[in-house]
Amino acid sequence: MEFIIRSAIRSDSDILLKWRNHSSVNKNSFSTESIDECDHNRWFTSKLNDSKCFMYIAEIENVACGVVRYDLDDTGHEATVSITVSPDFQGKGLGSKLLDTTEKRLLEEVKVEKIIAKVLFNNSPSRKIFERSSFTNKYLTLEKEV
């Protein structure tokens, strides 16, 4: 599948909210509650204005198919990555390609030394995306609800 990568723009907000609240995406998010439009728009605007955030939109034939976001830490040496593939394009092997392509673009823009991905234990599709892109499991976090 041929795709292009571009920086996110204001008009991407609606499609990203739609994806975020879709059941196939929502179930694999750290926060599984639906996000309302006002909160999303506030968050999205802050990310667009954040010089430490690099958000890339993938398009196939002018249709958005995924987003990859890198948030730099305060040192600028580490980036935390987040990826969402449009529900319409999930299961087609697109995630790994988006991750690899955007990583190259990020490294052209900033010189990070490490990229960190945080994935829910049961989110095997995301784990596979990162493992295919040479991410390794460094830590195990255990949690207890009290």
C-alpha atoms as a PDB file:
ATOM      1  CA  MET A   1       0.000   0.000   0.000  1.00  0.00           C
ATOM      2  CA  GLU A   2       1.465   3.336  -1.076  1.00  0.00           C
ATOM      3  CA  PHE A   3       0.986   6.194   1.357  1.00  0.00           C
ATOM      4  CA  ILE A   4       2.278   9.678   1.969  1.00  0.00           C
ATOM      5  CA  ILE A   5       3.247  11.206   5.306  1.00  0.00           C
ATOM      6  CA  ARG A   6       2.528  14.812   6.216  1.00  0.00           C
ATOM      7  CA  SER A   7       2.451  16.867   9.385  1.00  0.00           C
ATOM      8  CA  ALA A   8      -0.890  17.053  11.163  1.00  0.00           C
ATOM      9  CA  ILE A   9      -3.008  20.163  10.605  1.00  0.00           C
ATOM     10  CA  ARG A  10      -6.031  21.634  12.367  1.00  0.00           C
ATOM     11  CA  SER A  11      -8.520  20.023   9.971  1.00  0.00           C
ATOM     12  CA  ASP A  12      -7.319  16.541  11.042  1.00  0.00           C
ATOM     13  CA  SER A  13      -8.956  16.945  14.441  1.00  0.00           C
ATOM     14  CA  ASP A  14     -12.344  15.459  13.537  1.00  0.00           C
ATOM     15  CA  ILE A  15     -11.027  12.263  11.965  1.00  0.00           C
ATOM     16  CA  LEU A  16      -8.613  11.679  14.842  1.00  0.00           C
ATOM     17  CA  LEU A  17     -11.467  12.040  17.337  1.00  0.00           C
ATOM     18  CA  LYS A  18     -13.581   9.630  15.298  1.00  0.00           C
ATOM     19  CA  TRP A  19     -10.773   7.055  15.303  1.00  0.00           C
ATOM     20  CA  ARG A  20     -10.031   7.563  19.004  1.00  0.00           C
ATOM     21  CA  ASN A  21     -13.638   6.880  19.970  1.00  0.00           C
ATOM     22  CA  HIS A  22     -14.037   3.870  17.653  1.00  0.00           C
ATOM     23  CA  SER A  23     -14.391   0.634  19.621  1.00  0.00           C
ATOM     24  CA  SER A  24     -11.402  -1.065  17.934  1.00  0.00           C
ATOM     25  CA  VAL A  25      -9.114   1.801  18.974  1.00  0.00           C
ATOM     26  CA  ASN A  26     -10.738   2.681  22.274  1.00  0.00           C
ATOM     27  CA  LYS A  27     -10.381  -0.819  23.718  1.00  0.00           C
ATOM     28  CA  ASN A  28      -6.597  -0.625  23.264  1.00  0.00           C
ATOM     29  CA  SER A  29      -6.173   2.867  24.722  1.00  0.00           C
ATOM     30  CA  PHE A  30      -4.878   3.597  28.196  1.00  0.00           C
ATOM     31  CA  SER A  31      -8.077   5.551  28.797  1.00  0.00           C
ATOM     32  CA  THR A  32     -11.041   3.602  27.431  1.00  0.00           C
ATOM     33  CA  GLU A  33     -13.644   6.282  28.020  1.00  0.00           C
ATOM     34  CA  SER A  34     -14.961   8.172  25.010  1.00  0.00           C
ATOM     35  CA  ILE A  35     -13.488  11.621  24.562  1.00  0.00           C
ATOM     36  CA  ASP A  36     -15.847  14.535  23.956  1.00  0.00           C
ATOM     37  CA  GLU A  37     -15.227  16.954  21.115  1.00  0.00           C
ATOM     38  CA  CYS A  38     -14.401  19.962  23.297  1.00  0.00           C
ATOM     39  CA  ASP A  39     -11.748  18.089  25.305  1.00  0.00           C
ATOM     40  CA  HIS A  40     -10.299  16.556  22.156  1.00  0.00           C
ATOM     41  CA  ASN A  41     -10.068  19.903  20.357  1.00  0.00           C
ATOM     42  CA  ARG A  42      -8.324  21.475  23.355  1.00  0.00           C
ATOM     43  CA  TRP A  43      -5.838  18.569  23.501  1.00  0.00           C
ATOM     44  CA  PHE A  44      -5.293  18.571  19.724  1.00  0.00           C
ATOM     45  CA  THR A  45      -4.651  22.316  19.603  1.00  0.00           C
ATOM     46  CA  SER A  46      -2.130  22.017  22.432  1.00  0.00           C
ATOM     47  CA  LYS A  47      -0.298  19.234  20.557  1.00  0.00           C
ATOM     48  CA  LEU A  48      -0.206  21.231  17.317  1.00  0.00           C
ATOM     49  CA  ASN A  49       1.315  24.161  19.224  1.00  0.00           C
ATOM     50  CA  ASP A  50       3.804  22.031  21.174  1.00  0.00           C
ATOM     51  CA  SER A  51       7.333  22.288  19.744  1.00  0.00           C
ATOM     52  CA  LYS A  52       8.162  18.944  21.388  1.00  0.00           C
ATOM     53  CA  CYS A  53       5.340  17.124  19.580  1.00  0.00           C
ATOM     54  CA  PHE A  54       5.754  15.704  16.084  1.00  0.00           C
ATOM     55  CA  MET A  55       2.459  14.395  14.714  1.00  0.00           C
ATOM     56  CA  TYR A  56       2.327  12.782  11.295  1.00  0.00           C
ATOM     57  CA  ILE A  57      -0.737  11.828   9.278  1.00  0.00           C
ATOM     58  CA  ALA A  58      -0.570   9.036   6.705  1.00  0.00           C
ATOM     59  CA  GLU A  59      -2.773   9.220   3.621  1.00  0.00           C
ATOM     60  CA  ILE A  60      -3.600   6.767   0.872  1.00  0.00           C
ATOM     61  CA  GLU A  61      -5.126   8.436  -2.180  1.00  0.00           C
ATOM     62  CA  ASN A  62      -5.942  11.561  -0.126  1.00  0.00           C
ATOM     63  CA  VAL A  63      -7.694   9.529   2.590  1.00  0.00           C
ATOM     64  CA  ALA A  64      -6.237   9.665   6.094  1.00  0.00           C
ATOM     65  CA  CYS A  65      -5.327   6.140   7.206  1.00  0.00           C
ATOM     66  CA  GLY A  66      -3.255   6.628  10.356  1.00  0.00           C
ATOM     67  CA  VAL A  67      -1.498   8.941  12.755  1.00  0.00           C
ATOM     68  CA  VAL A  68       1.855   8.585  14.499  1.00  0.00           C
ATOM     69  CA  ARG A  69       2.757  11.017  17.274  1.00  0.00           C
ATOM     70  CA  TYR A  70       6.141  11.485  18.927  1.00  0.00           C
ATOM     71  CA  ASP A  71       6.365  13.471  22.167  1.00  0.00           C
ATOM     72  CA  LEU A  72       9.888  14.509  23.146  1.00  0.00           C
ATOM     73  CA  ASP A  73      10.957  14.523  26.776  1.00  0.00           C
ATOM     74  CA  ASP A  74      12.422  17.676  28.326  1.00  0.00           C
ATOM     75  CA  THR A  75      15.962  16.729  27.291  1.00  0.00           C
ATOM     76  CA  GLY A  76      14.977  16.192  23.660  1.00  0.00           C
ATOM     77  CA  HIS A  77      16.860  12.884  23.681  1.00  0.00           C
ATOM     78  CA  GLU A  78      13.872  10.565  24.105  1.00  0.00           C
ATOM     79  CA  ALA A  79      10.539  10.426  22.330  1.00  0.00           C
ATOM     80  CA  THR A  80       7.437   8.520  23.334  1.00  0.00           C
ATOM     81  CA  VAL A  81       5.530   7.232  20.328  1.00  0.00           C
ATOM     82  CA  SER A  82       1.817   6.679  19.872  1.00  0.00           C
ATOM     83  CA  ILE A  83       0.244   5.156  16.772  1.00  0.00           C
ATOM     84  CA  THR A  84      -3.331   4.805  15.587  1.00  0.00           C
ATOM     85  CA  VAL A  85      -4.337   3.119  12.357  1.00  0.00           C
ATOM     86  CA  SER A  86      -7.764   4.040  11.019  1.00  0.00           C
ATOM     87  CA  PRO A  87     -10.311   1.295  11.744  1.00  0.00           C
ATOM     88  CA  ASP A  88     -10.843   1.055   7.960  1.00  0.00           C
ATOM     89  CA  PHE A  89      -7.170   0.167   7.441  1.00  0.00           C
ATOM     90  CA  GLN A  90      -6.466  -2.070  10.443  1.00  0.00           C
ATOM     91  CA  GLY A  91      -5.167  -5.590   9.864  1.00  0.00           C
ATOM     92  CA  LYS A  92      -3.425  -4.749   6.583  1.00  0.00           C
ATOM     93  CA  GLY A  93       0.152  -4.468   7.894  1.00  0.00           C
ATOM     94  CA  LEU A  94       0.122  -0.697   7.628  1.00  0.00           C
ATOM     95  CA  GLY A  95       1.139   0.081  11.230  1.00  0.00           C
ATOM     96  CA  SER A  96       4.746  -1.120  10.940  1.00  0.00           C
ATOM     97  CA  LYS A  97       5.245   0.756   7.676  1.00  0.00           C
ATOM     98  CA  LEU A  98       3.850   3.955   9.188  1.00  0.00           C
ATOM     99  CA  LEU A  99       6.059   3.582  12.243  1.00  0.00           C
ATOM    100  CA  ASP A 100       9.229   2.983  10.207  1.00  0.00           C
ATOM    101  CA  THR A 101       8.513   5.837   7.782  1.00  0.00           C
ATOM    102  CA  THR A 102       7.668   8.370  10.475  1.00  0.00           C
ATOM    103  CA  GLU A 103      10.674   7.355  12.566  1.00  0.00           C
ATOM    104  CA  LYS A 104      12.946   8.217   9.633  1.00  0.00           C
ATOM    105  CA  ARG A 105      11.193  11.551   9.223  1.00  0.00           C
ATOM    106  CA  LEU A 106      11.451  12.315  12.943  1.00  0.00           C
ATOM    107  CA  LEU A 107      15.192  11.605  12.899  1.00  0.00           C
ATOM    108  CA  GLU A 108      15.594  14.057  10.017  1.00  0.00           C
ATOM    109  CA  GLU A 109      13.973  16.746  12.173  1.00  0.00           C
ATOM    110  CA  VAL A 110      15.445  16.021  15.624  1.00  0.00           C
ATOM    111  CA  LYS A 111      18.249  13.870  16.971  1.00  0.00           C
ATOM    112  CA  VAL A 112      16.605  11.600  19.510  1.00  0.00           C
ATOM    113  CA  GLU A 113      18.570   8.726  21.017  1.00  0.00           C
ATOM    114  CA  LYS A 114      15.678   6.559  22.119  1.00  0.00           C
ATOM    115  CA  ILE A 115      12.048   6.010  21.166  1.00  0.00           C
ATOM    116  CA  ILE A 116       9.744   4.551  23.788  1.00  0.00           C
ATOM    117  CA  ALA A 117       6.427   2.815  23.134  1.00  0.00           C
ATOM    118  CA  LYS A 118       3.984   2.079  25.931  1.00  0.00           C
ATOM    119  CA  VAL A 119       1.509  -0.657  25.021  1.00  0.00           C
ATOM    120  CA  LEU A 120      -1.217  -2.325  27.032  1.00  0.00           C
ATOM    121  CA  PHE A 121      -0.357  -5.953  27.780  1.00  0.00           C
ATOM    122  CA  ASN A 122      -3.393  -7.318  25.900  1.00  0.00           C
ATOM    123  CA  ASN A 123      -2.870  -5.105  22.840  1.00  0.00           C
ATOM    124  CA  SER A 124      -1.118  -7.693  20.697  1.00  0.00           C
ATOM    125  CA  PRO A 125      -1.593  -5.832  17.364  1.00  0.00           C
ATOM    126  CA  SER A 126       0.381  -2.851  18.702  1.00  0.00           C
ATOM    127  CA  ARG A 127       2.993  -5.065  20.303  1.00  0.00           C
ATOM    128  CA  LYS A 128       3.549  -6.764  16.938  1.00  0.00           C
ATOM    129  CA  ILE A 129       3.905  -3.399  15.184  1.00  0.00           C
ATOM    130  CA  PHE A 130       6.649  -2.317  17.569  1.00  0.00           C
ATOM    131  CA  GLU A 131       8.396  -5.700  17.626  1.00  0.00           C
ATOM    132  CA  ARG A 132       8.533  -5.716  13.796  1.00  0.00           C
ATOM    133  CA  SER A 133      10.250  -2.335  14.028  1.00  0.00           C
ATOM    134  CA  SER A 134      12.979  -3.651  16.380  1.00  0.00           C
ATOM    135  CA  PHE A 135      11.496  -2.378  19.643  1.00  0.00           C
ATOM    136  CA  THR A 136      12.352  -4.656  22.557  1.00  0.00           C
ATOM    137  CA  ASN A 137      10.539  -5.275  25.812  1.00  0.00           C
ATOM    138  CA  LYS A 138      12.668  -3.588  28.484  1.00  0.00           C
ATOM    139  CA  TYR A 139      10.297  -3.359  31.429  1.00  0.00           C
ATOM    140  CA  LEU A 140       7.274  -5.025  32.916  1.00  0.00           C
ATOM    141  CA  THR A 141       4.898  -2.857  34.900  1.00  0.00           C
ATOM    142  CA  LEU A 142       2.568  -4.533  37.350  1.00  0.00           C
ATOM    143  CA  GLU A 143      -0.478  -2.724  38.657  1.00  0.00           C
ATOM    144  CA  LYS A 144      -3.038  -3.320  41.354  1.00  0.00           C
ATOM    145  CA  GLU A 145      -6.409  -1.588  41.586  1.00  0.00           C
ATOM    146  CA  VAL A 146      -7.239  -0.786  45.223  1.00  0.00           C
END
